[in-house]
Amino acid sequence: MELKGGNQDSSEGAKGKMTLPLALVALVSAFGSSFQYGYNVSVINSPAPYMQDFYNRTYLDRTGLPMDRGFQTLLWSLTVSMFPLGGFFGSLLVWPMVNSCGRKGTLLINNLFSIAAAILMGTSELAKTFEVIILSRVVMGIFAGLASNVVPMFLGEMSPKNLRGAVGVVPQLFITIGILAAQILGLHSILGNARGWPVLLGLTGIPSLIQLLTLPFFPESPRFLLIQKGNEERARRALQRLRGWEDVDDEIQEMYQENQSEKEEGQFSVLSLFTFRGLRWQLISIIIMMAGQQLSGVNGVFYYADRIFQSAGVHSSSIQYVTVSIGAINVVMTLLAVFIVESLGRRILLLAGFVLCSASCAILTLALNLQTTVSWMSYLSIVCVIAYIIGHAIGPSPIPPVMITEMFLQSSRPAAFMVGGSVHWLSNFTVGLVFLYMEAGLGPYSFLIFCAICVATMLYIFFIVPETKNKTFMEINRIMAKRNKVEVQESKEFKDSYPLSRQEEKKSLSSSEM
């Protein structure tokens, strides 16, 4: 009995290693896809005046008349907002594509969107057309909508349970690196100028080209291969390569257990996901976490940051360097989350992040109202912006996609990512659309709305969302099944074919009683 437990512990340790193939597939997937998402969030900020001048010159050449200011504002609003709108459309493609093409196959196909958009944007000035930039922003949004959902799903399914959180944060890390890269390359002295902006936009195709050439050499998700394709041999080979050792029977057994528990329901569509009572709290949880992630005002804070720095006495020519510094802080704190998510857990990082964000928004409201009368309040405003970005980077930004992977099993995970991704992008689009009006009507008090959303999301997580670190997908499913008041049934035939060890049964029982 003790010997069996000792062997199991040693195999658990072996499975938990960060092997070279797992590290490489995480880097290739995140650099080729997630990096692109971050890069395109930020890439048009610095060269905006030069791009708008190009819009004006092109319109003048065509019509002989200068562009009306209202029409110029509309075109630029479309240029900015078409990216998150495309992201929403991309999220709608997640469920059909990952089920028919697989996780790796979807990422490979998705690169074609990015490469096509990069070529179109990079040649837009030569072709003297601004319409193609707006169209390309939609295409890049579709790419980002797929990437932001498929990469966390792909990496979450490939990772051992004790590294799933850390590997799952890697896509968000590369999103922040993409934002920082766009900020650095967008400096006026590099490419953020009248001659360099087409190159700046066109560079987005390079990571996708690298991924297109390298990702085929890595395995598909073992869970997709076994549960959805029924190919145990390929799944076993993929696991052996990812884990770096031959004995993967425990994980194969756990996949069969997951497969057996889901056979009665079959593959979930989005409609069946909304109507199935057994996944009620999982679905509510991802909707609230993904909405809270975006509606908590992260884009508003970034938008307001330039004026906060200006009011604190930062010279306008130096603001872009301060913005780069903020981007660097975002990268460092997200990198910290990679290293602490498995030791501290998901809940504590989410709760701590939302607490810090809500406190920052509340104090920022006060500081912005008093900075005209109290000189040092300007510096407190800068501290609040930095504290908010730190809070968002350690929890609200990276953790929700990890939780979607963990709270849903194979049959419902694609539909769940489709729902979560759609909520993410619609919320992103909404903040971008209404923040200017909020700022005009409420001024600094806009941040009290963000504060309230942070507090509401934090309270929901505290009372409803369980800790998922170091648990198998089936153990997490049992915890949520109890919350949904649905008993997890396992067929007698399956138990006879794939008996759980006593240690696993005790672990599963204790998990369901939490």
Protein backbone atom coordinates (compact mmCIF):
# COMPACT_ATOMS: atom_id res chain seq x y z
CA MET A 1 0.00 0.00 0.00
CA GLU A 2 2.70 2.45 1.03
CA LEU A 3 4.90 1.35 -1.87
CA LYS A 4 2.10 2.04 -4.33
CA GLY A 5 1.61 5.51 -2.88
CA GLY A 6 5.35 6.17 -3.07
CA ASN A 7 5.47 5.16 -6.74
CA GLN A 8 2.51 7.36 -7.50
CA ASP A 9 4.13 10.33 -5.78
CA SER A 10 7.31 9.89 -7.78
CA SER A 11 5.38 9.64 -11.03
CA GLU A 12 3.44 12.78 -10.09
CA GLY A 13 6.75 14.57 -9.63
CA ALA A 14 8.04 13.35 -12.98
CA LYS A 15 4.88 14.42 -14.77
CA GLY A 16 5.14 17.85 -13.21
CA LYS A 17 8.45 18.79 -14.83
CA MET A 18 8.68 21.68 -17.26
CA THR A 19 10.14 19.72 -20.16
CA LEU A 20 11.77 21.33 -23.20
CA PRO A 21 8.96 20.31 -25.63
CA LEU A 22 6.29 21.76 -23.29
CA ALA A 23 8.26 24.98 -22.83
CA LEU A 24 8.86 25.33 -26.58
CA VAL A 25 5.25 24.71 -27.57
CA ALA A 26 4.15 27.29 -24.98
CA LEU A 27 6.64 29.85 -26.37
CA VAL A 28 5.80 29.18 -30.03
CA SER A 29 2.04 29.32 -29.40
CA ALA A 30 2.18 32.44 -27.22
CA PHE A 31 4.68 34.34 -29.39
CA GLY A 32 2.93 33.51 -32.65
CA SER A 33 -0.58 34.28 -31.38
CA SER A 34 -0.87 36.05 -28.00
CA PHE A 35 2.01 38.44 -28.75
CA GLN A 36 0.07 39.54 -31.84
CA TYR A 37 -3.00 40.36 -29.77
CA GLY A 38 -1.02 42.66 -27.47
CA TYR A 39 0.94 44.21 -30.32
CA ASN A 40 -2.21 45.20 -32.21
CA VAL A 41 -3.89 46.60 -29.09
CA SER A 42 -1.16 49.23 -28.85
CA VAL A 43 0.39 49.55 -32.31
CA ILE A 44 -1.72 52.46 -33.66
CA ASN A 45 -1.41 54.67 -30.55
CA SER A 46 1.92 56.36 -31.25
CA PRO A 47 1.64 56.79 -35.05
CA ALA A 48 -2.00 58.00 -34.82
CA PRO A 49 -1.24 61.62 -35.96
CA TYR A 50 0.72 60.39 -38.99
CA MET A 51 -1.94 57.85 -39.94
CA GLN A 52 -4.67 60.48 -39.65
CA ASP A 53 -2.59 62.80 -41.85
CA PHE A 54 -2.40 59.96 -44.41
CA TYR A 55 -6.21 59.62 -44.26
CA ASN A 56 -6.55 63.38 -44.93
CA ARG A 57 -4.04 63.44 -47.83
CA THR A 58 -5.63 60.41 -49.47
CA TYR A 59 -9.10 61.92 -49.23
CA LEU A 60 -7.84 65.25 -50.60
CA ASP A 61 -6.15 63.53 -53.57
CA ARG A 62 -9.37 61.68 -54.42
CA THR A 63 -11.92 64.46 -54.00
CA GLY A 64 -9.95 67.70 -54.14
CA LEU A 65 -11.57 68.68 -50.83
CA PRO A 66 -10.15 68.52 -47.30
CA MET A 67 -11.71 65.90 -45.05
CA ASP A 68 -14.44 67.12 -42.69
CA ARG A 69 -13.36 66.93 -39.02
CA GLY A 70 -16.42 64.88 -38.09
CA PHE A 71 -15.71 62.37 -40.86
CA GLN A 72 -12.06 62.15 -39.78
CA THR A 73 -13.16 61.41 -36.19
CA LEU A 74 -15.53 58.72 -37.47
CA LEU A 75 -12.80 57.06 -39.57
CA TRP A 76 -10.35 57.02 -36.67
CA SER A 77 -12.99 55.68 -34.29
CA LEU A 78 -13.62 52.86 -36.77
CA THR A 79 -9.88 52.19 -37.04
CA VAL A 80 -9.67 51.76 -33.26
CA SER A 81 -12.97 49.99 -32.60
CA MET A 82 -12.90 47.51 -35.49
CA PHE A 83 -10.18 45.54 -33.70
CA PRO A 84 -12.29 44.54 -30.65
CA LEU A 85 -15.34 44.09 -32.89
CA GLY A 86 -13.31 41.67 -35.04
CA GLY A 87 -12.24 39.98 -31.79
CA PHE A 88 -15.90 39.30 -31.03
CA PHE A 89 -16.38 37.72 -34.47
CA GLY A 90 -13.22 35.65 -33.93
CA SER A 91 -14.60 34.36 -30.62
CA LEU A 92 -17.71 33.14 -32.42
CA LEU A 93 -15.46 30.92 -34.57
CA VAL A 94 -13.77 29.20 -31.60
CA TRP A 95 -16.29 26.42 -31.01
CA PRO A 96 -16.71 25.19 -34.61
CA MET A 97 -13.01 25.52 -35.49
CA VAL A 98 -11.39 23.80 -32.48
CA ASN A 99 -13.85 20.91 -32.73
CA SER A 100 -13.33 20.36 -36.46
CA CYS A 101 -9.67 21.42 -36.94
CA GLY A 102 -8.24 20.75 -33.48
CA ARG A 103 -6.42 23.22 -31.26
CA LYS A 104 -3.13 23.19 -33.18
CA GLY A 105 -4.90 23.15 -36.54
CA THR A 106 -6.95 26.22 -35.59
CA LEU A 107 -3.82 28.14 -34.59
CA LEU A 108 -2.12 27.25 -37.89
CA ILE A 109 -5.13 28.37 -39.96
CA ASN A 110 -5.46 31.51 -37.83
CA ASN A 111 -1.98 32.66 -38.87
CA LEU A 112 -3.30 33.24 -42.39
CA PHE A 113 -5.57 36.02 -41.05
CA SER A 114 -2.62 37.79 -39.44
CA ILE A 115 -0.25 37.46 -42.39
CA ALA A 116 -2.90 38.71 -44.86
CA ALA A 117 -3.75 41.70 -42.61
CA ALA A 118 -0.04 42.54 -42.14
CA ILE A 119 0.58 42.61 -45.90
CA LEU A 120 -2.48 44.80 -46.49
CA MET A 121 -1.61 47.26 -43.71
CA GLY A 122 2.07 47.40 -44.65
CA THR A 123 1.24 48.28 -48.26
CA SER A 124 -1.71 50.59 -47.57
CA GLU A 125 0.30 53.80 -48.02
CA LEU A 126 1.72 52.64 -51.36
CA ALA A 127 -1.78 51.69 -52.51
CA LYS A 128 -3.11 55.04 -51.23
CA THR A 129 -6.09 53.48 -49.45
CA PHE A 130 -7.08 53.99 -45.82
CA GLU A 131 -10.13 51.72 -46.16
CA VAL A 132 -7.86 48.68 -46.28
CA ILE A 133 -6.39 49.63 -42.87
CA ILE A 134 -9.86 49.61 -41.32
CA LEU A 135 -10.67 46.30 -43.01
CA SER A 136 -7.34 44.85 -41.86
CA ARG A 137 -8.09 45.88 -38.28
CA VAL A 138 -11.24 43.75 -38.47
CA VAL A 139 -9.20 40.81 -39.82
CA MET A 140 -6.56 41.25 -37.08
CA GLY A 141 -9.40 41.34 -34.56
CA ILE A 142 -10.70 38.00 -35.86
CA PHE A 143 -7.17 36.62 -35.49
CA ALA A 144 -6.89 37.99 -31.92
CA GLY A 145 -10.35 36.71 -30.99
CA LEU A 146 -9.39 33.19 -31.98
CA ALA A 147 -5.87 33.42 -30.51
CA SER A 148 -7.00 34.78 -27.13
CA ASN A 149 -9.25 31.74 -26.66
CA VAL A 150 -7.48 28.89 -28.44
CA VAL A 151 -3.96 29.39 -26.99
CA PRO A 152 -5.06 29.13 -23.29
CA MET A 153 -7.21 26.10 -24.19
CA PHE A 154 -4.36 24.43 -26.11
CA LEU A 155 -1.73 25.00 -23.42
CA GLY A 156 -4.11 24.17 -20.56
CA GLU A 157 -4.90 20.79 -22.11
CA MET A 158 -1.22 20.00 -22.68
CA SER A 159 0.07 20.91 -19.21
CA PRO A 160 0.32 18.67 -16.13
CA LYS A 161 -2.07 19.76 -13.40
CA ASN A 162 0.66 21.21 -11.16
CA LEU A 163 1.94 23.48 -13.98
CA ARG A 164 -1.38 24.30 -15.65
CA GLY A 165 -1.72 27.70 -13.96
CA ALA A 166 1.84 28.82 -14.71
CA VAL A 167 1.69 27.69 -18.34
CA GLY A 168 -1.81 29.17 -18.62
CA VAL A 169 -0.52 32.63 -17.65
CA VAL A 170 2.13 32.55 -20.41
CA PRO A 171 -0.32 33.77 -23.11
CA GLN A 172 -1.16 36.86 -21.02
CA LEU A 173 2.57 37.42 -20.44
CA PHE A 174 3.11 37.52 -24.20
CA ILE A 175 0.13 39.87 -24.63
CA THR A 176 1.90 42.34 -22.31
CA ILE A 177 5.21 41.78 -24.14
CA GLY A 178 3.38 42.52 -27.42
CA ILE A 179 2.01 45.77 -25.97
CA LEU A 180 5.49 46.76 -24.78
CA ALA A 181 7.08 45.86 -28.14
CA ALA A 182 4.54 48.05 -29.96
CA GLN A 183 5.22 50.91 -27.52
CA ILE A 184 9.00 50.67 -28.00
CA LEU A 185 8.89 50.29 -31.80
CA GLY A 186 6.29 53.07 -31.89
CA LEU A 187 8.65 55.65 -30.36
CA HIS A 188 9.03 58.64 -32.67
CA SER A 189 12.75 57.95 -32.99
CA ILE A 190 12.14 54.37 -34.24
CA LEU A 191 9.02 53.66 -36.35
CA GLY A 192 6.33 55.89 -34.84
CA ASN A 193 6.83 58.59 -37.47
CA ALA A 194 5.62 59.65 -40.93
CA ARG A 195 7.87 57.19 -42.81
CA GLY A 196 7.91 54.26 -40.39
CA TRP A 197 4.25 53.64 -39.51
CA PRO A 198 3.48 51.27 -42.47
CA VAL A 199 6.46 49.11 -41.44
CA LEU A 200 5.27 49.23 -37.82
CA LEU A 201 1.86 47.86 -38.88
CA GLY A 202 3.35 45.30 -41.28
CA LEU A 203 5.70 43.76 -38.70
CA THR A 204 2.74 42.01 -37.09
CA GLY A 205 2.95 39.23 -39.68
CA ILE A 206 6.44 38.04 -38.68
CA PRO A 207 5.48 36.15 -35.46
CA SER A 208 2.64 34.44 -37.32
CA LEU A 209 5.01 33.36 -40.09
CA ILE A 210 7.39 31.90 -37.48
CA GLN A 211 4.52 30.03 -35.82
CA LEU A 212 3.26 28.74 -39.18
CA LEU A 213 6.71 27.24 -39.88
CA THR A 214 7.44 25.81 -36.41
CA LEU A 215 4.14 24.73 -34.78
CA PRO A 216 3.62 21.71 -37.11
CA PHE A 217 6.62 20.06 -35.43
CA PHE A 218 4.81 19.96 -32.06
CA PRO A 219 2.01 17.58 -31.00
CA GLU A 220 -1.72 18.30 -30.96
CA SER A 221 -3.53 18.49 -27.60
CA PRO A 222 -3.50 14.92 -26.16
CA ARG A 223 -7.00 15.43 -24.72
CA PHE A 224 -8.34 16.39 -28.16
CA LEU A 225 -6.67 13.36 -29.73
CA LEU A 226 -8.04 10.86 -27.20
CA ILE A 227 -11.42 12.25 -26.14
CA GLN A 228 -12.61 13.82 -29.39
CA LYS A 229 -10.69 11.78 -31.99
CA GLY A 230 -10.56 8.49 -30.07
CA ASN A 231 -6.90 7.99 -31.00
CA GLU A 232 -5.23 6.68 -27.85
CA GLU A 233 -1.95 5.85 -29.61
CA ARG A 234 -1.39 9.42 -30.87
CA ALA A 235 -2.50 10.85 -27.52
CA ARG A 236 -0.06 8.58 -25.69
CA ARG A 237 2.83 9.55 -28.00
CA ALA A 238 1.99 13.24 -27.56
CA LEU A 239 1.94 12.88 -23.76
CA GLN A 240 5.20 10.94 -23.71
CA ARG A 241 6.90 13.65 -25.73
CA LEU A 242 5.48 16.47 -23.60
CA ARG A 243 6.22 14.77 -20.25
CA GLY A 244 9.63 13.44 -21.22
CA TRP A 245 9.01 9.90 -19.99
CA GLU A 246 7.21 6.71 -21.08
CA ASP A 247 4.69 5.97 -18.29
CA VAL A 248 1.68 8.19 -18.93
CA ASP A 249 -0.97 5.64 -17.91
CA ASP A 250 -2.32 7.79 -15.05
CA GLU A 251 -3.11 10.71 -17.36
CA ILE A 252 -4.57 8.43 -20.03
CA GLN A 253 -6.76 6.89 -17.32
CA GLU A 254 -7.91 10.33 -16.16
CA MET A 255 -8.81 11.27 -19.76
CA TYR A 256 -10.85 8.08 -20.13
CA GLN A 257 -12.60 8.92 -16.88
CA GLU A 258 -13.44 12.39 -18.21
CA ASN A 259 -14.58 10.90 -21.52
CA GLN A 260 -16.84 8.37 -19.79
CA SER A 261 -18.47 10.98 -17.57
CA GLU A 262 -19.35 13.07 -20.63
CA LYS A 263 -20.61 10.41 -23.05
CA GLU A 264 -24.26 10.90 -22.08
CA GLU A 265 -24.18 14.65 -22.82
CA GLY A 266 -22.10 14.59 -26.03
CA GLN A 267 -20.51 17.75 -27.42
CA PHE A 268 -21.97 20.97 -26.04
CA SER A 269 -23.08 23.78 -28.30
CA VAL A 270 -23.38 27.30 -26.91
CA LEU A 271 -27.17 26.90 -26.67
CA SER A 272 -26.95 23.60 -24.78
CA LEU A 273 -24.30 25.13 -22.50
CA PHE A 274 -26.76 27.85 -21.47
CA THR A 275 -29.59 25.37 -20.89
CA PHE A 276 -27.65 22.64 -19.04
CA ARG A 277 -28.20 22.99 -15.29
CA GLY A 278 -25.12 20.94 -14.44
CA LEU A 279 -22.82 23.73 -15.73
CA ARG A 280 -24.83 26.68 -14.43
CA TRP A 281 -22.32 28.10 -11.93
CA GLN A 282 -19.32 27.46 -14.17
CA LEU A 283 -21.01 29.47 -16.94
CA ILE A 284 -22.05 32.32 -14.63
CA SER A 285 -18.54 32.40 -13.17
CA ILE A 286 -16.73 32.77 -16.50
CA ILE A 287 -19.17 35.42 -17.71
CA ILE A 288 -18.66 37.49 -14.54
CA MET A 289 -14.87 37.03 -14.51
CA MET A 290 -14.42 37.87 -18.20
CA ALA A 291 -16.80 40.86 -17.99
CA GLY A 292 -15.15 42.05 -14.76
CA GLN A 293 -11.74 41.75 -16.40
CA GLN A 294 -12.63 44.32 -19.08
CA LEU A 295 -15.36 46.43 -17.41
CA SER A 296 -13.05 47.06 -14.44
CA GLY A 297 -11.59 49.84 -16.59
CA VAL A 298 -8.12 48.70 -17.62
CA ASN A 299 -8.46 50.38 -21.02
CA GLY A 300 -9.86 53.51 -19.38
CA VAL A 301 -6.88 53.73 -17.04
CA PHE A 302 -4.46 53.35 -19.96
CA TYR A 303 -6.42 55.97 -21.89
CA TYR A 304 -6.36 58.41 -18.96
CA ALA A 305 -2.71 57.76 -18.12
CA ASP A 306 -1.25 60.28 -20.60
CA ARG A 307 -3.30 63.13 -19.14
CA ILE A 308 -2.51 62.07 -15.58
CA PHE A 309 1.21 62.17 -16.38
CA GLN A 310 0.80 65.53 -18.13
CA SER A 311 -1.00 67.04 -15.15
CA ALA A 312 1.79 65.76 -12.88
CA GLY A 313 4.27 67.86 -14.83
CA VAL A 314 5.68 65.23 -17.20
CA HIS A 315 6.70 66.98 -20.41
CA SER A 316 4.62 65.97 -23.44
CA SER A 317 7.72 64.77 -25.32
CA SER A 318 8.57 62.43 -22.41
CA ILE A 319 5.10 60.91 -21.94
CA GLN A 320 5.74 58.18 -24.51
CA TYR A 321 8.77 57.02 -22.50
CA VAL A 322 6.70 56.99 -19.29
CA THR A 323 4.10 54.93 -21.16
CA VAL A 324 6.82 52.45 -22.15
CA SER A 325 7.84 52.23 -18.48
CA ILE A 326 4.24 51.42 -17.52
CA GLY A 327 4.23 48.71 -20.23
CA ALA A 328 7.43 47.27 -18.75
CA ILE A 329 5.84 47.17 -15.26
CA ASN A 330 2.88 45.31 -16.78
CA VAL A 331 5.26 42.69 -18.25
CA VAL A 332 7.23 42.26 -15.01
CA MET A 333 4.10 41.81 -12.85
CA THR A 334 2.55 39.32 -15.28
CA LEU A 335 5.86 37.41 -15.27
CA LEU A 336 5.63 37.37 -11.46
CA ALA A 337 2.14 35.84 -11.77
CA VAL A 338 3.65 32.96 -13.82
CA PHE A 339 5.89 32.07 -10.89
CA ILE A 340 3.42 32.52 -8.02
CA VAL A 341 0.14 31.24 -9.47
CA GLU A 342 0.90 27.61 -8.55
CA SER A 343 2.06 28.41 -5.00
CA LEU A 344 -0.58 31.01 -4.04
CA GLY A 345 -3.42 29.71 -6.21
CA ARG A 346 -5.89 31.31 -8.61
CA ARG A 347 -8.43 32.71 -6.10
CA ILE A 348 -5.94 34.65 -4.01
CA LEU A 349 -4.40 36.33 -7.08
CA LEU A 350 -7.85 37.24 -8.44
CA LEU A 351 -9.01 38.59 -5.08
CA ALA A 352 -5.78 40.49 -4.37
CA GLY A 353 -5.78 41.93 -7.89
CA PHE A 354 -9.37 43.20 -7.73
CA VAL A 355 -8.82 44.62 -4.20
CA LEU A 356 -5.77 46.57 -5.43
CA CYS A 357 -7.64 47.75 -8.56
CA SER A 358 -10.70 48.91 -6.60
CA ALA A 359 -8.58 50.74 -4.01
CA SER A 360 -6.54 52.39 -6.80
CA CYS A 361 -9.70 53.58 -8.60
CA ALA A 362 -11.18 55.03 -5.40
CA ILE A 363 -7.99 56.90 -4.43
CA LEU A 364 -7.43 58.00 -8.04
CA THR A 365 -10.87 59.63 -8.07
CA LEU A 366 -9.94 61.61 -4.96
CA ALA A 367 -6.49 62.52 -6.26
CA LEU A 368 -7.76 63.72 -9.64
CA ASN A 369 -10.36 65.94 -7.95
CA LEU A 370 -7.80 67.50 -5.60
CA GLN A 371 -4.75 67.81 -7.83
CA THR A 372 -5.56 71.41 -8.83
CA THR A 373 -5.56 72.47 -5.17
CA VAL A 374 -3.03 70.07 -3.62
CA SER A 375 0.16 69.88 -5.66
CA TRP A 376 1.37 66.44 -4.52
CA MET A 377 -1.94 64.83 -5.53
CA SER A 378 -0.60 64.68 -9.10
CA TYR A 379 2.10 62.29 -7.96
CA LEU A 380 -0.44 60.25 -5.98
CA SER A 381 -2.37 59.92 -9.27
CA ILE A 382 0.70 58.38 -10.94
CA VAL A 383 1.11 55.96 -8.01
CA CYS A 384 -2.56 54.95 -8.37
CA VAL A 385 -2.15 54.25 -12.09
CA ILE A 386 0.92 52.09 -11.41
CA ALA A 387 -0.84 50.27 -8.52
CA TYR A 388 -3.88 49.61 -10.69
CA ILE A 389 -1.74 48.14 -13.49
CA ILE A 390 0.12 45.94 -10.97
CA GLY A 391 -3.19 44.71 -9.52
CA HIS A 392 -4.64 43.89 -12.93
CA ALA A 393 -1.45 42.18 -14.11
CA ILE A 394 -1.24 39.70 -11.21
CA GLY A 395 -4.85 38.50 -11.30
CA PRO A 396 -7.73 39.94 -13.36
CA SER A 397 -5.80 39.94 -16.66
CA PRO A 398 -4.12 36.48 -16.70
CA ILE A 399 -6.26 34.22 -14.48
CA PRO A 400 -9.80 34.13 -16.04
CA PRO A 401 -8.73 32.24 -19.22
CA VAL A 402 -6.92 29.71 -17.00
CA MET A 403 -10.13 29.23 -15.01
CA ILE A 404 -12.18 28.58 -18.17
CA THR A 405 -9.79 25.78 -19.11
CA GLU A 406 -10.02 24.28 -15.63
CA MET A 407 -13.75 24.64 -14.84
CA PHE A 408 -15.00 22.91 -18.00
CA LEU A 409 -14.39 19.42 -19.34
CA GLN A 410 -13.47 18.53 -22.91
CA SER A 411 -17.02 18.41 -24.30
CA SER A 412 -18.02 21.84 -22.99
CA ARG A 413 -14.67 23.68 -23.04
CA PRO A 414 -14.81 24.97 -26.67
CA ALA A 415 -18.33 26.38 -26.17
CA ALA A 416 -17.25 27.90 -22.83
CA PHE A 417 -14.28 29.64 -24.46
CA MET A 418 -16.61 30.90 -27.19
CA VAL A 419 -18.90 32.43 -24.54
CA GLY A 420 -16.04 33.77 -22.41
CA GLY A 421 -14.25 35.21 -25.43
CA SER A 422 -17.40 36.88 -26.73
CA VAL A 423 -18.02 38.49 -23.32
CA HIS A 424 -14.37 39.62 -23.18
CA TRP A 425 -14.43 41.30 -26.59
CA LEU A 426 -17.91 42.83 -26.25
CA SER A 427 -16.90 44.28 -22.87
CA ASN A 428 -13.65 45.57 -24.40
CA PHE A 429 -15.62 47.16 -27.26
CA THR A 430 -18.14 48.68 -24.81
CA VAL A 431 -15.48 50.34 -22.65
CA GLY A 432 -13.80 51.76 -25.74
CA LEU A 433 -17.15 53.07 -26.99
CA VAL A 434 -18.57 54.61 -23.80
CA PHE A 435 -15.48 55.75 -21.90
CA LEU A 436 -15.20 59.07 -23.77
CA TYR A 437 -18.82 59.81 -22.91
CA MET A 438 -18.30 58.76 -19.28
CA GLU A 439 -15.25 61.00 -19.06
CA ALA A 440 -17.14 63.93 -20.59
CA GLY A 441 -20.12 63.49 -18.27
CA LEU A 442 -18.51 62.32 -15.04
CA GLY A 443 -14.85 63.33 -15.29
CA PRO A 444 -12.73 61.66 -12.58
CA TYR A 445 -15.86 60.11 -11.06
CA SER A 446 -15.79 57.63 -13.98
CA PHE A 447 -13.33 55.61 -11.91
CA LEU A 448 -15.93 55.11 -9.15
CA ILE A 449 -17.92 53.01 -11.65
CA PHE A 450 -14.80 50.93 -12.32
CA CYS A 451 -14.25 50.67 -8.56
CA ALA A 452 -17.79 49.34 -8.04
CA ILE A 453 -17.33 46.74 -10.81
CA CYS A 454 -14.04 45.59 -9.23
CA VAL A 455 -15.71 45.22 -5.80
CA ALA A 456 -18.72 43.34 -7.24
CA THR A 457 -16.48 40.92 -9.17
CA MET A 458 -14.26 40.40 -6.13
CA LEU A 459 -17.28 39.54 -3.91
CA TYR A 460 -18.58 37.05 -6.46
CA ILE A 461 -15.19 35.32 -6.66
CA PHE A 462 -14.90 35.24 -2.85
CA PHE A 463 -18.27 33.52 -2.34
CA ILE A 464 -18.62 31.34 -5.46
CA VAL A 465 -15.38 30.55 -7.31
CA PRO A 466 -13.37 27.60 -5.89
CA GLU A 467 -9.61 27.19 -5.84
CA THR A 468 -8.52 24.97 -8.75
CA LYS A 469 -4.74 24.74 -8.36
CA ASN A 470 -3.16 21.29 -8.50
CA LYS A 471 -6.48 19.55 -9.20
CA THR A 472 -7.39 17.38 -12.17
CA PHE A 473 -10.22 18.47 -14.46
CA MET A 474 -12.42 15.72 -12.97
CA GLU A 475 -11.72 16.84 -9.38
CA ILE A 476 -12.69 20.41 -10.26
CA ASN A 477 -15.79 19.10 -12.03
CA ARG A 478 -16.84 17.25 -8.88
CA ILE A 479 -16.46 20.39 -6.77
CA MET A 480 -18.64 22.37 -9.17
CA ALA A 481 -21.12 19.47 -9.52
CA LYS A 482 -21.84 19.74 -5.81
CA ARG A 483 -22.45 23.47 -6.17
CA ASN A 484 -24.78 22.77 -9.09
CA LYS A 485 -26.55 20.10 -7.00
CA VAL A 486 -25.81 17.49 -9.65
CA GLU A 487 -24.29 14.16 -8.67
CA VAL A 488 -21.34 12.97 -10.74
CA GLN A 489 -22.25 9.46 -11.92
CA GLU A 490 -19.61 6.98 -13.00
CA SER A 491 -20.65 3.77 -14.71
CA LYS A 492 -19.83 0.43 -13.10
CA GLU A 493 -18.28 -0.79 -16.34
CA PHE A 494 -15.89 2.14 -16.41
CA LYS A 495 -14.85 1.63 -12.79
CA ASP A 496 -14.14 -2.04 -13.57
CA SER A 497 -12.07 -1.12 -16.62
CA TYR A 498 -10.22 1.85 -15.12
CA PRO A 499 -10.28 1.44 -11.32
CA LEU A 500 -9.13 4.41 -9.28
CA SER A 501 -6.45 3.83 -6.68
CA ARG A 502 -7.63 4.24 -3.08
CA GLN A 503 -5.47 7.31 -2.74
CA GLU A 504 -7.18 8.90 -5.80
CA GLU A 505 -10.63 7.97 -4.46
CA LYS A 506 -9.86 9.61 -1.11
CA LYS A 507 -8.50 12.70 -2.89
CA SER A 508 -11.61 12.93 -5.10
CA LEU A 509 -13.92 12.46 -2.11
CA SER A 510 -12.17 15.14 -0.05
CA SER A 511 -12.24 17.51 -3.05
CA SER A 512 -16.00 17.07 -3.54
CA GLU A 513 -16.64 17.72 0.15
CA MET A 514 -14.78 21.07 0.14
